[in-house]
């Protein structure tokens, strides 16, 4: 849902993982994969 909000706000996809990492305690590489996967599902 936070990813959705950032997308709605016009945040570039490449900046979303770093934004989320500042809000959630998740490994950066894992977070990047999750963002990629979630965006792909939203597109599909």
ModelCIF file with pLDDT and N, C-alpha, C, O atoms, coordinates in Angstrom:
data_MODEL
#
_entry.id   MODEL 
#
_entity.id                         1 
_entity.type                       polymer 
_entity.pdbx_number_of_molecules   1 
#
_entity_poly.entity_id                      1 
_entity_poly.type                           'polypeptide(L)' 
_entity_poly.nstd_linkage                   no 
_entity_poly.nstd_monomer                   no 
_entity_poly.pdbx_seq_one_letter_code       
;(UNK)(UNK)(UNK)(UNK)(UNK)(UNK)(UNK)(UNK)(UNK)(UNK)(UNK)(UNK)(UNK)(UNK)(UNK)(UNK)
(UNK)(UNK)(UNK)(UNK)(UNK)(UNK)(UNK)(UNK)(UNK)(UNK)(UNK)(UNK)(UNK)(UNK)(UNK)(UNK)
(UNK)(UNK)(UNK)(UNK)(UNK)(UNK)(UNK)(UNK)(UNK)(UNK)(UNK)(UNK)
;
_entity_poly.pdbx_seq_one_letter_code_can   XXXXXXXXXXXXXXXXXXXXXXXXXXXXXXXXXXXXXXXXXXXX 
_entity_poly.pdbx_strand_id                 A 
#
loop_
_entity_poly_seq.entity_id 
_entity_poly_seq.num 
_entity_poly_seq.mon_id 
_entity_poly_seq.hetero 
1 1  UNK n 
1 2  UNK n 
1 3  UNK n 
1 4  UNK n 
1 5  UNK n 
1 6  UNK n 
1 7  UNK n 
1 8  UNK n 
1 9  UNK n 
1 10 UNK n 
1 11 UNK n 
1 12 UNK n 
1 13 UNK n 
1 14 UNK n 
1 15 UNK n 
1 16 UNK n 
1 17 UNK n 
1 18 UNK n 
1 19 UNK n 
1 20 UNK n 
1 21 UNK n 
1 22 UNK n 
1 23 UNK n 
1 24 UNK n 
1 25 UNK n 
1 26 UNK n 
1 27 UNK n 
1 28 UNK n 
1 29 UNK n 
1 30 UNK n 
1 31 UNK n 
1 32 UNK n 
1 33 UNK n 
1 34 UNK n 
1 35 UNK n 
1 36 UNK n 
1 37 UNK n 
1 38 UNK n 
1 39 UNK n 
1 40 UNK n 
1 41 UNK n 
1 42 UNK n 
1 43 UNK n 
1 44 UNK n 
#
_struct_asym.id          A 
_struct_asym.entity_id   1 
#
loop_
_ma_qa_metric.id 
_ma_qa_metric.mode 
_ma_qa_metric.name 
_ma_qa_metric.software_group_id 
_ma_qa_metric.type 
1 global pLDDT . pLDDT 
2 local  pLDDT . pLDDT 
#
_ma_qa_metric_global.metric_id      1 
_ma_qa_metric_global.metric_value   92.68 
_ma_qa_metric_global.model_id       1 
_ma_qa_metric_global.ordinal_id     1 
#
loop_
_ma_qa_metric_local.label_asym_id 
_ma_qa_metric_local.label_comp_id 
_ma_qa_metric_local.label_seq_id 
_ma_qa_metric_local.metric_id 
_ma_qa_metric_local.metric_value 
_ma_qa_metric_local.model_id 
_ma_qa_metric_local.ordinal_id 
A UNK 1  2 96.00 1 1  
A UNK 2  2 95.00 1 2  
A UNK 3  2 95.00 1 3  
A UNK 4  2 96.00 1 4  
A UNK 5  2 95.00 1 5  
A UNK 6  2 94.00 1 6  
A UNK 7  2 94.00 1 7  
A UNK 8  2 92.00 1 8  
A UNK 9  2 92.00 1 9  
A UNK 10 2 90.00 1 10 
A UNK 11 2 93.00 1 11 
A UNK 12 2 92.00 1 12 
A UNK 13 2 93.00 1 13 
A UNK 14 2 93.00 1 14 
A UNK 15 2 93.00 1 15 
A UNK 16 2 94.00 1 16 
A UNK 17 2 93.00 1 17 
A UNK 18 2 91.00 1 18 
A UNK 19 2 92.00 1 19 
A UNK 20 2 93.00 1 20 
A UNK 21 2 91.00 1 21 
A UNK 22 2 87.00 1 22 
A UNK 23 2 91.00 1 23 
A UNK 24 2 88.00 1 24 
A UNK 25 2 86.00 1 25 
A UNK 26 2 86.00 1 26 
A UNK 27 2 88.00 1 27 
A UNK 28 2 85.00 1 28 
A UNK 29 2 90.00 1 29 
A UNK 30 2 90.00 1 30 
A UNK 31 2 91.00 1 31 
A UNK 32 2 92.00 1 32 
A UNK 33 2 94.00 1 33 
A UNK 34 2 93.00 1 34 
A UNK 35 2 94.00 1 35 
A UNK 36 2 95.00 1 36 
A UNK 37 2 96.00 1 37 
A UNK 38 2 96.00 1 38 
A UNK 39 2 96.00 1 39 
A UNK 40 2 96.00 1 40 
A UNK 41 2 97.00 1 41 
A UNK 42 2 97.00 1 42 
A UNK 43 2 96.00 1 43 
A UNK 44 2 97.00 1 44 
#
loop_
_atom_site.group_PDB 
_atom_site.id 
_atom_site.type_symbol 
_atom_site.label_atom_id 
_atom_site.label_alt_id 
_atom_site.label_comp_id 
_atom_site.label_asym_id 
_atom_site.label_entity_id 
_atom_site.label_seq_id 
_atom_site.pdbx_PDB_ins_code 
_atom_site.Cartn_x 
_atom_site.Cartn_y 
_atom_site.Cartn_z 
_atom_site.occupancy 
_atom_site.B_iso_or_equiv 
_atom_site.pdbx_formal_charge 
_atom_site.auth_seq_id 
_atom_site.auth_comp_id 
_atom_site.auth_asym_id 
_atom_site.auth_atom_id 
_atom_site.pdbx_PDB_model_num 
ATOM 1   N N  . UNK A 1 1  ? 0.823  -1.210 0.000   1.00 96.00 ? 1  UNK A N  1 
ATOM 2   C CA . UNK A 1 1  ? 0.000  0.000  0.000   1.00 96.00 ? 1  UNK A CA 1 
ATOM 3   C C  . UNK A 1 1  ? 0.854  1.256  0.000   1.00 96.00 ? 1  UNK A C  1 
ATOM 4   O O  . UNK A 1 1  ? 0.519  2.247  -0.650  1.00 96.00 ? 1  UNK A O  1 
ATOM 5   N N  . UNK A 1 2  ? 1.951  1.210  0.727   1.00 95.00 ? 2  UNK A N  1 
ATOM 6   C CA . UNK A 1 2  ? 2.874  2.354  0.736   1.00 95.00 ? 2  UNK A CA 1 
ATOM 7   C C  . UNK A 1 2  ? 3.526  2.513  -0.636  1.00 95.00 ? 2  UNK A C  1 
ATOM 8   O O  . UNK A 1 2  ? 3.705  3.634  -1.111  1.00 95.00 ? 2  UNK A O  1 
ATOM 9   N N  . UNK A 1 3  ? 3.882  1.403  -1.270  1.00 95.00 ? 3  UNK A N  1 
ATOM 10  C CA . UNK A 1 3  ? 4.421  1.438  -2.631  1.00 95.00 ? 3  UNK A CA 1 
ATOM 11  C C  . UNK A 1 3  ? 3.392  2.095  -3.556  1.00 95.00 ? 3  UNK A C  1 
ATOM 12  O O  . UNK A 1 3  ? 3.756  2.929  -4.385  1.00 95.00 ? 3  UNK A O  1 
ATOM 13  N N  . UNK A 1 4  ? 2.130  1.733  -3.424  1.00 96.00 ? 4  UNK A N  1 
ATOM 14  C CA . UNK A 1 4  ? 1.061  2.325  -4.224  1.00 96.00 ? 4  UNK A CA 1 
ATOM 15  C C  . UNK A 1 4  ? 1.019  3.840  -4.015  1.00 96.00 ? 4  UNK A C  1 
ATOM 16  O O  . UNK A 1 4  ? 0.934  4.604  -4.977  1.00 96.00 ? 4  UNK A O  1 
ATOM 17  N N  . UNK A 1 5  ? 1.081  4.265  -2.751  1.00 95.00 ? 5  UNK A N  1 
ATOM 18  C CA . UNK A 1 5  ? 1.045  5.697  -2.448  1.00 95.00 ? 5  UNK A CA 1 
ATOM 19  C C  . UNK A 1 5  ? 2.213  6.433  -3.095  1.00 95.00 ? 5  UNK A C  1 
ATOM 20  O O  . UNK A 1 5  ? 2.031  7.515  -3.655  1.00 95.00 ? 5  UNK A O  1 
ATOM 21  N N  . UNK A 1 6  ? 3.402  5.858  -3.023  1.00 94.00 ? 6  UNK A N  1 
ATOM 22  C CA . UNK A 1 6  ? 4.579  6.483  -3.625  1.00 94.00 ? 6  UNK A CA 1 
ATOM 23  C C  . UNK A 1 6  ? 4.432  6.564  -5.144  1.00 94.00 ? 6  UNK A C  1 
ATOM 24  O O  . UNK A 1 6  ? 4.811  7.562  -5.758  1.00 94.00 ? 6  UNK A O  1 
ATOM 25  N N  . UNK A 1 7  ? 3.882  5.516  -5.741  1.00 94.00 ? 7  UNK A N  1 
ATOM 26  C CA . UNK A 1 7  ? 3.643  5.514  -7.178  1.00 94.00 ? 7  UNK A CA 1 
ATOM 27  C C  . UNK A 1 7  ? 2.641  6.614  -7.541  1.00 94.00 ? 7  UNK A C  1 
ATOM 28  O O  . UNK A 1 7  ? 2.841  7.348  -8.509  1.00 94.00 ? 7  UNK A O  1 
ATOM 29  N N  . UNK A 1 8  ? 1.569  6.722  -6.762  1.00 92.00 ? 8  UNK A N  1 
ATOM 30  C CA . UNK A 1 8  ? 0.556  7.749  -6.990  1.00 92.00 ? 8  UNK A CA 1 
ATOM 31  C C  . UNK A 1 8  ? 1.144  9.149  -6.865  1.00 92.00 ? 8  UNK A C  1 
ATOM 32  O O  . UNK A 1 8  ? 0.720  10.073 -7.560  1.00 92.00 ? 8  UNK A O  1 
ATOM 33  N N  . UNK A 1 9  ? 2.118  9.299  -5.981  1.00 92.00 ? 9  UNK A N  1 
ATOM 34  C CA . UNK A 1 9  ? 2.742  10.602 -5.755  1.00 92.00 ? 9  UNK A CA 1 
ATOM 35  C C  . UNK A 1 9  ? 3.770  10.945 -6.831  1.00 92.00 ? 9  UNK A C  1 
ATOM 36  O O  . UNK A 1 9  ? 4.352  12.029 -6.815  1.00 92.00 ? 9  UNK A O  1 
ATOM 37  N N  . UNK A 1 10 ? 3.994  10.021 -7.766  1.00 90.00 ? 10 UNK A N  1 
ATOM 38  C CA . UNK A 1 10 ? 4.915  10.286 -8.859  1.00 90.00 ? 10 UNK A CA 1 
ATOM 39  C C  . UNK A 1 10 ? 6.371  9.983  -8.559  1.00 90.00 ? 10 UNK A C  1 
ATOM 40  O O  . UNK A 1 10 ? 7.260  10.404 -9.298  1.00 90.00 ? 10 UNK A O  1 
ATOM 41  N N  . UNK A 1 11 ? 6.623  9.250  -7.472  1.00 93.00 ? 11 UNK A N  1 
ATOM 42  C CA . UNK A 1 11 ? 7.997  8.880  -7.137  1.00 93.00 ? 11 UNK A CA 1 
ATOM 43  C C  . UNK A 1 11 ? 8.497  7.873  -8.170  1.00 93.00 ? 11 UNK A C  1 
ATOM 44  O O  . UNK A 1 11 ? 7.816  6.890  -8.462  1.00 93.00 ? 11 UNK A O  1 
ATOM 45  N N  . UNK A 1 12 ? 9.670  8.114  -8.716  1.00 92.00 ? 12 UNK A N  1 
ATOM 46  C CA . UNK A 1 12 ? 10.250 7.218  -9.719  1.00 92.00 ? 12 UNK A CA 1 
ATOM 47  C C  . UNK A 1 12 ? 10.481 5.839  -9.109  1.00 92.00 ? 12 UNK A C  1 
ATOM 48  O O  . UNK A 1 12 ? 10.940 5.735  -7.972  1.00 92.00 ? 12 UNK A O  1 
ATOM 49  N N  . UNK A 1 13 ? 10.165 4.771  -9.861  1.00 93.00 ? 13 UNK A N  1 
ATOM 50  C CA . UNK A 1 13 ? 10.313 3.416  -9.328  1.00 93.00 ? 13 UNK A CA 1 
ATOM 51  C C  . UNK A 1 13 ? 11.702 3.116  -8.761  1.00 93.00 ? 13 UNK A C  1 
ATOM 52  O O  . UNK A 1 13 ? 11.812 2.389  -7.774  1.00 93.00 ? 13 UNK A O  1 
ATOM 53  N N  . UNK A 1 14 ? 12.757 3.657  -9.359  1.00 93.00 ? 14 UNK A N  1 
ATOM 54  C CA . UNK A 1 14 ? 14.100 3.363  -8.859  1.00 93.00 ? 14 UNK A CA 1 
ATOM 55  C C  . UNK A 1 14 ? 14.357 3.988  -7.488  1.00 93.00 ? 14 UNK A C  1 
ATOM 56  O O  . UNK A 1 14 ? 15.290 3.582  -6.795  1.00 93.00 ? 14 UNK A O  1 
ATOM 57  N N  . UNK A 1 15 ? 13.545 4.967  -7.087  1.00 93.00 ? 15 UNK A N  1 
ATOM 58  C CA . UNK A 1 15 ? 13.703 5.609  -5.777  1.00 93.00 ? 15 UNK A CA 1 
ATOM 59  C C  . UNK A 1 15 ? 12.848 4.964  -4.691  1.00 93.00 ? 15 UNK A C  1 
ATOM 60  O O  . UNK A 1 15 ? 13.076 5.195  -3.504  1.00 93.00 ? 15 UNK A O  1 
ATOM 61  N N  . UNK A 1 16 ? 11.876 4.166  -5.086  1.00 94.00 ? 16 UNK A N  1 
ATOM 62  C CA . UNK A 1 16 ? 10.951 3.576  -4.109  1.00 94.00 ? 16 UNK A CA 1 
ATOM 63  C C  . UNK A 1 16 ? 11.656 2.671  -3.100  1.00 94.00 ? 16 UNK A C  1 
ATOM 64  O O  . UNK A 1 16 ? 11.369 2.784  -1.908  1.00 94.00 ? 16 UNK A O  1 
ATOM 65  N N  . UNK A 1 17 ? 12.575 1.768  -3.514  1.00 93.00 ? 17 UNK A N  1 
ATOM 66  C CA . UNK A 1 17 ? 13.219 0.923  -2.502  1.00 93.00 ? 17 UNK A CA 1 
ATOM 67  C C  . UNK A 1 17 ? 13.932 1.712  -1.406  1.00 93.00 ? 17 UNK A C  1 
ATOM 68  O O  . UNK A 1 17 ? 13.840 1.349  -0.233  1.00 93.00 ? 17 UNK A O  1 
ATOM 69  N N  . UNK A 1 18 ? 14.631 2.770  -1.760  1.00 91.00 ? 18 UNK A N  1 
ATOM 70  C CA . UNK A 1 18 ? 15.335 3.544  -0.730  1.00 91.00 ? 18 UNK A CA 1 
ATOM 71  C C  . UNK A 1 18 ? 14.349 4.281  0.169   1.00 91.00 ? 18 UNK A C  1 
ATOM 72  O O  . UNK A 1 18 ? 14.589 4.431  1.367   1.00 91.00 ? 18 UNK A O  1 
ATOM 73  N N  . UNK A 1 19 ? 13.242 4.740  -0.407  1.00 92.00 ? 19 UNK A N  1 
ATOM 74  C CA . UNK A 1 19 ? 12.208 5.390  0.409   1.00 92.00 ? 19 UNK A CA 1 
ATOM 75  C C  . UNK A 1 19 ? 11.615 4.405  1.417   1.00 92.00 ? 19 UNK A C  1 
ATOM 76  O O  . UNK A 1 19 ? 11.451 4.724  2.594   1.00 92.00 ? 19 UNK A O  1 
ATOM 77  N N  . UNK A 1 20 ? 11.295 3.192  0.927   1.00 93.00 ? 20 UNK A N  1 
ATOM 78  C CA . UNK A 1 20 ? 10.704 2.185  1.806   1.00 93.00 ? 20 UNK A CA 1 
ATOM 79  C C  . UNK A 1 20 ? 11.694 1.705  2.853   1.00 93.00 ? 20 UNK A C  1 
ATOM 80  O O  . UNK A 1 20 ? 11.310 1.421  3.988   1.00 93.00 ? 20 UNK A O  1 
ATOM 81  N N  . UNK A 1 21 ? 12.958 1.614  2.484   1.00 91.00 ? 21 UNK A N  1 
ATOM 82  C CA . UNK A 1 21 ? 13.958 1.149  3.442   1.00 91.00 ? 21 UNK A CA 1 
ATOM 83  C C  . UNK A 1 21 ? 14.062 2.113  4.618   1.00 91.00 ? 21 UNK A C  1 
ATOM 84  O O  . UNK A 1 21 ? 14.340 1.701  5.745   1.00 91.00 ? 21 UNK A O  1 
ATOM 85  N N  . UNK A 1 22 ? 13.839 3.395  4.351   1.00 87.00 ? 22 UNK A N  1 
ATOM 86  C CA . UNK A 1 22 ? 13.840 4.374  5.429   1.00 87.00 ? 22 UNK A CA 1 
ATOM 87  C C  . UNK A 1 22 ? 12.658 4.220  6.371   1.00 87.00 ? 22 UNK A C  1 
ATOM 88  O O  . UNK A 1 22 ? 12.687 4.722  7.495   1.00 87.00 ? 22 UNK A O  1 
ATOM 89  N N  . UNK A 1 23 ? 11.617 3.529  5.919   1.00 91.00 ? 23 UNK A N  1 
ATOM 90  C CA . UNK A 1 23 ? 10.405 3.356  6.714   1.00 91.00 ? 23 UNK A CA 1 
ATOM 91  C C  . UNK A 1 23 ? 10.273 1.968  7.335   1.00 91.00 ? 23 UNK A C  1 
ATOM 92  O O  . UNK A 1 23 ? 9.635  1.804  8.375   1.00 91.00 ? 23 UNK A O  1 
ATOM 93  N N  . UNK A 1 24 ? 10.884 0.965  6.687   1.00 88.00 ? 24 UNK A N  1 
ATOM 94  C CA . UNK A 1 24 ? 10.759 -0.421 7.146   1.00 88.00 ? 24 UNK A CA 1 
ATOM 95  C C  . UNK A 1 24 ? 12.148 -1.022 7.304   1.00 88.00 ? 24 UNK A C  1 
ATOM 96  O O  . UNK A 1 24 ? 13.067 -0.668 6.567   1.00 88.00 ? 24 UNK A O  1 
ATOM 97  N N  . UNK A 1 25 ? 12.300 -1.913 8.246   1.00 86.00 ? 25 UNK A N  1 
ATOM 98  C CA . UNK A 1 25 ? 13.583 -2.567 8.499   1.00 86.00 ? 25 UNK A CA 1 
ATOM 99  C C  . UNK A 1 25 ? 13.695 -3.833 7.661   1.00 86.00 ? 25 UNK A C  1 
ATOM 100 O O  . UNK A 1 25 ? 13.442 -4.937 8.144   1.00 86.00 ? 25 UNK A O  1 
ATOM 101 N N  . UNK A 1 26 ? 14.079 -3.657 6.390   1.00 86.00 ? 26 UNK A N  1 
ATOM 102 C CA . UNK A 1 26 ? 14.173 -4.775 5.457   1.00 86.00 ? 26 UNK A CA 1 
ATOM 103 C C  . UNK A 1 26 ? 15.489 -4.656 4.709   1.00 86.00 ? 26 UNK A C  1 
ATOM 104 O O  . UNK A 1 26 ? 15.944 -3.550 4.416   1.00 86.00 ? 26 UNK A O  1 
ATOM 105 N N  . UNK A 1 27 ? 16.101 -5.793 4.401   1.00 88.00 ? 27 UNK A N  1 
ATOM 106 C CA . UNK A 1 27 ? 17.329 -5.827 3.614   1.00 88.00 ? 27 UNK A CA 1 
ATOM 107 C C  . UNK A 1 27 ? 17.100 -5.140 2.269   1.00 88.00 ? 27 UNK A C  1 
ATOM 108 O O  . UNK A 1 27 ? 16.081 -5.373 1.619   1.00 88.00 ? 27 UNK A O  1 
ATOM 109 N N  . UNK A 1 28 ? 18.043 -4.294 1.850   1.00 85.00 ? 28 UNK A N  1 
ATOM 110 C CA . UNK A 1 28 ? 17.864 -3.501 0.628   1.00 85.00 ? 28 UNK A CA 1 
ATOM 111 C C  . UNK A 1 28 ? 17.672 -4.354 -0.621  1.00 85.00 ? 28 UNK A C  1 
ATOM 112 O O  . UNK A 1 28 ? 16.813 -4.044 -1.447  1.00 85.00 ? 28 UNK A O  1 
ATOM 113 N N  . UNK A 1 29 ? 18.452 -5.421 -0.777  1.00 90.00 ? 29 UNK A N  1 
ATOM 114 C CA . UNK A 1 29 ? 18.305 -6.255 -1.975  1.00 90.00 ? 29 UNK A CA 1 
ATOM 115 C C  . UNK A 1 29 ? 16.967 -6.995 -1.969  1.00 90.00 ? 29 UNK A C  1 
ATOM 116 O O  . UNK A 1 29 ? 16.336 -7.150 -3.015  1.00 90.00 ? 29 UNK A O  1 
ATOM 117 N N  . UNK A 1 30 ? 16.539 -7.448 -0.799  1.00 90.00 ? 30 UNK A N  1 
ATOM 118 C CA . UNK A 1 30 ? 15.237 -8.117 -0.691  1.00 90.00 ? 30 UNK A CA 1 
ATOM 119 C C  . UNK A 1 30 ? 14.111 -7.122 -0.999  1.00 90.00 ? 30 UNK A C  1 
ATOM 120 O O  . UNK A 1 30 ? 13.148 -7.454 -1.691  1.00 90.00 ? 30 UNK A O  1 
ATOM 121 N N  . UNK A 1 31 ? 14.245 -5.918 -0.483  1.00 91.00 ? 31 UNK A N  1 
ATOM 122 C CA . UNK A 1 31 ? 13.237 -4.891 -0.715  1.00 91.00 ? 31 UNK A CA 1 
ATOM 123 C C  . UNK A 1 31 ? 13.146 -4.542 -2.197  1.00 91.00 ? 31 UNK A C  1 
ATOM 124 O O  . UNK A 1 31 ? 12.049 -4.362 -2.724  1.00 91.00 ? 31 UNK A O  1 
ATOM 125 N N  . UNK A 1 32 ? 14.279 -4.445 -2.864  1.00 92.00 ? 32 UNK A N  1 
ATOM 126 C CA . UNK A 1 32 ? 14.296 -4.141 -4.298  1.00 92.00 ? 32 UNK A CA 1 
ATOM 127 C C  . UNK A 1 32 ? 13.561 -5.233 -5.089  1.00 92.00 ? 32 UNK A C  1 
ATOM 128 O O  . UNK A 1 32 ? 12.775 -4.935 -5.988  1.00 92.00 ? 32 UNK A O  1 
ATOM 129 N N  . UNK A 1 33 ? 13.827 -6.509 -4.742  1.00 94.00 ? 33 UNK A N  1 
ATOM 130 C CA . UNK A 1 33 ? 13.142 -7.615 -5.416  1.00 94.00 ? 33 UNK A CA 1 
ATOM 131 C C  . UNK A 1 33 ? 11.637 -7.547 -5.181  1.00 94.00 ? 33 UNK A C  1 
ATOM 132 O O  . UNK A 1 33 ? 10.850 -7.770 -6.101  1.00 94.00 ? 33 UNK A O  1 
ATOM 133 N N  . UNK A 1 34 ? 11.244 -7.243 -3.962  1.00 93.00 ? 34 UNK A N  1 
ATOM 134 C CA . UNK A 1 34 ? 9.818  -7.157 -3.633  1.00 93.00 ? 34 UNK A CA 1 
ATOM 135 C C  . UNK A 1 34 ? 9.135  -6.016 -4.389  1.00 93.00 ? 34 UNK A C  1 
ATOM 136 O O  . UNK A 1 34 ? 8.006  -6.163 -4.856  1.00 93.00 ? 34 UNK A O  1 
ATOM 137 N N  . UNK A 1 35 ? 9.821  -4.885 -4.507  1.00 94.00 ? 35 UNK A N  1 
ATOM 138 C CA . UNK A 1 35 ? 9.261  -3.757 -5.258  1.00 94.00 ? 35 UNK A CA 1 
ATOM 139 C C  . UNK A 1 35 ? 9.098  -4.148 -6.719  1.00 94.00 ? 35 UNK A C  1 
ATOM 140 O O  . UNK A 1 35 ? 8.056  -3.884 -7.320  1.00 94.00 ? 35 UNK A O  1 
ATOM 141 N N  . UNK A 1 36 ? 10.110 -4.770 -7.292  1.00 95.00 ? 36 UNK A N  1 
ATOM 142 C CA . UNK A 1 36 ? 10.031 -5.212 -8.691  1.00 95.00 ? 36 UNK A CA 1 
ATOM 143 C C  . UNK A 1 36 ? 8.877  -6.180 -8.901  1.00 95.00 ? 36 UNK A C  1 
ATOM 144 O O  . UNK A 1 36 ? 8.103  -6.039 -9.848  1.00 95.00 ? 36 UNK A O  1 
ATOM 145 N N  . UNK A 1 37 ? 8.763  -7.165 -8.013  1.00 96.00 ? 37 UNK A N  1 
ATOM 146 C CA . UNK A 1 37 ? 7.711  -8.175 -8.121  1.00 96.00 ? 37 UNK A CA 1 
ATOM 147 C C  . UNK A 1 37 ? 6.325  -7.547 -7.964  1.00 96.00 ? 37 UNK A C  1 
ATOM 148 O O  . UNK A 1 37 ? 5.411  -7.853 -8.730  1.00 96.00 ? 37 UNK A O  1 
ATOM 149 N N  . UNK A 1 38 ? 6.173  -6.677 -6.979  1.00 96.00 ? 38 UNK A N  1 
ATOM 150 C CA . UNK A 1 38 ? 4.874  -6.058 -6.730  1.00 96.00 ? 38 UNK A CA 1 
ATOM 151 C C  . UNK A 1 38 ? 4.460  -5.163 -7.892  1.00 96.00 ? 38 UNK A C  1 
ATOM 152 O O  . UNK A 1 38 ? 3.306  -5.192 -8.318  1.00 96.00 ? 38 UNK A O  1 
ATOM 153 N N  . UNK A 1 39 ? 5.395  -4.368 -8.407  1.00 96.00 ? 39 UNK A N  1 
ATOM 154 C CA . UNK A 1 39 ? 5.066  -3.514 -9.550  1.00 96.00 ? 39 UNK A CA 1 
ATOM 155 C C  . UNK A 1 39 ? 4.678  -4.354 -10.759 1.00 96.00 ? 39 UNK A C  1 
ATOM 156 O O  . UNK A 1 39 ? 3.751  -4.000 -11.487 1.00 96.00 ? 39 UNK A O  1 
ATOM 157 N N  . UNK A 1 40 ? 5.375  -5.459 -10.980 1.00 96.00 ? 40 UNK A N  1 
ATOM 158 C CA . UNK A 1 40 ? 5.040  -6.322 -12.113 1.00 96.00 ? 40 UNK A CA 1 
ATOM 159 C C  . UNK A 1 40 ? 3.629  -6.892 -11.953 1.00 96.00 ? 40 UNK A C  1 
ATOM 160 O O  . UNK A 1 40 ? 2.879  -6.968 -12.926 1.00 96.00 ? 40 UNK A O  1 
ATOM 161 N N  . UNK A 1 41 ? 3.265  -7.292 -10.736 1.00 97.00 ? 41 UNK A N  1 
ATOM 162 C CA . UNK A 1 41 ? 1.916  -7.806 -10.493 1.00 97.00 ? 41 UNK A CA 1 
ATOM 163 C C  . UNK A 1 41 ? 0.858  -6.720 -10.705 1.00 97.00 ? 41 UNK A C  1 
ATOM 164 O O  . UNK A 1 41 ? -0.214 -6.988 -11.247 1.00 97.00 ? 41 UNK A O  1 
ATOM 165 N N  . UNK A 1 42 ? 1.166  -5.501 -10.276 1.00 97.00 ? 42 UNK A N  1 
ATOM 166 C CA . UNK A 1 42 ? 0.240  -4.390 -10.487 1.00 97.00 ? 42 UNK A CA 1 
ATOM 167 C C  . UNK A 1 42 ? 0.060  -4.118 -11.980 1.00 97.00 ? 42 UNK A C  1 
ATOM 168 O O  . UNK A 1 42 ? -1.046 -3.818 -12.430 1.00 97.00 ? 42 UNK A O  1 
ATOM 169 N N  . UNK A 1 43 ? 1.143  -4.221 -12.741 1.00 96.00 ? 43 UNK A N  1 
ATOM 170 C CA . UNK A 1 43 ? 1.066  -4.038 -14.190 1.00 96.00 ? 43 UNK A CA 1 
ATOM 171 C C  . UNK A 1 43 ? 0.242  -5.153 -14.827 1.00 96.00 ? 43 UNK A C  1 
ATOM 172 O O  . UNK A 1 43 ? -0.621 -4.893 -15.665 1.00 96.00 ? 43 UNK A O  1 
ATOM 173 N N  . UNK A 1 44 ? 0.508  -6.388 -14.429 1.00 97.00 ? 44 UNK A N  1 
ATOM 174 C CA . UNK A 1 44 ? -0.217 -7.532 -15.002 1.00 97.00 ? 44 UNK A CA 1 
ATOM 175 C C  . UNK A 1 44 ? -1.719 -7.436 -14.759 1.00 97.00 ? 44 UNK A C  1 
ATOM 176 O O  . UNK A 1 44 ? -2.470 -8.318 -15.177 1.00 97.00 ? 44 UNK A O  1 
#
